[in-house]
Amino acid sequence: MDTEDGIIWVYGIGDDQVMAFTDFGIENLMELIRMHKEDPELLTRWNR
């Protein structure tokens, strides 16, 4: 997922950082999970 998909990086002190999701990002992630459950090979096809 990319920034336009609703994923952000939250930076802390020093080199600390964590991936976080906006509300839109959570919706996108839920959709990806639903798609994967319906067809587990759908998302792996792009990597071949």
Protein backbone atom coordinates (compact mmCIF):
# COMPACT_ATOMS: atom_id res chain seq x y z
CA MET A 1 0.00 0.00 0.00
CA ASP A 2 1.13 3.53 -0.70
CA THR A 3 0.40 6.94 0.75
CA GLU A 4 -2.51 7.47 -1.65
CA ASP A 5 -4.00 4.23 -0.31
CA GLY A 6 -4.15 5.63 3.22
CA ILE A 7 -0.87 4.48 4.74
CA ILE A 8 1.40 6.91 6.59
CA TRP A 9 4.65 6.73 8.55
CA VAL A 10 4.69 8.27 12.01
CA TYR A 11 8.16 9.38 13.07
CA GLY A 12 9.30 9.54 16.66
CA ILE A 13 12.47 10.60 18.39
CA GLY A 14 15.65 9.46 16.68
CA ASP A 15 15.18 6.71 14.13
CA ASP A 16 11.91 5.41 15.59
CA GLN A 17 9.06 5.15 13.12
CA VAL A 18 5.87 3.13 12.78
CA MET A 19 3.46 2.46 9.92
CA ALA A 20 -0.07 3.71 10.53
CA PHE A 21 -3.32 3.80 8.61
CA THR A 22 -5.80 6.59 8.04
CA ASP A 23 -9.51 5.72 8.14
CA PHE A 24 -9.35 5.43 4.34
CA GLY A 25 -6.32 3.14 4.68
CA ILE A 26 -8.19 0.83 7.03
CA GLU A 27 -11.05 0.61 4.52
CA ASN A 28 -8.58 -0.22 1.74
CA LEU A 29 -6.87 -2.86 3.87
CA MET A 30 -10.22 -4.46 4.71
CA GLU A 31 -11.04 -4.56 0.99
CA LEU A 32 -7.69 -6.21 0.20
CA ILE A 33 -8.36 -8.84 2.87
CA ARG A 34 -11.84 -9.48 1.46
CA MET A 35 -10.40 -9.85 -2.05
CA HIS A 36 -7.72 -12.23 -0.77
CA LYS A 37 -10.28 -14.40 1.01
CA GLU A 38 -12.34 -14.66 -2.20
CA ASP A 39 -9.32 -15.50 -4.38
CA PRO A 40 -6.05 -16.13 -2.48
CA GLU A 41 -3.99 -16.09 -5.69
CA LEU A 42 -5.37 -12.77 -6.97
CA LEU A 43 -2.75 -10.58 -5.30
CA THR A 44 0.14 -12.97 -5.92
CA ARG A 45 -0.43 -12.89 -9.69
CA TRP A 46 1.02 -9.37 -9.85
CA ASN A 47 4.38 -10.57 -8.51
CA ARG A 48 4.97 -13.18 -11.22
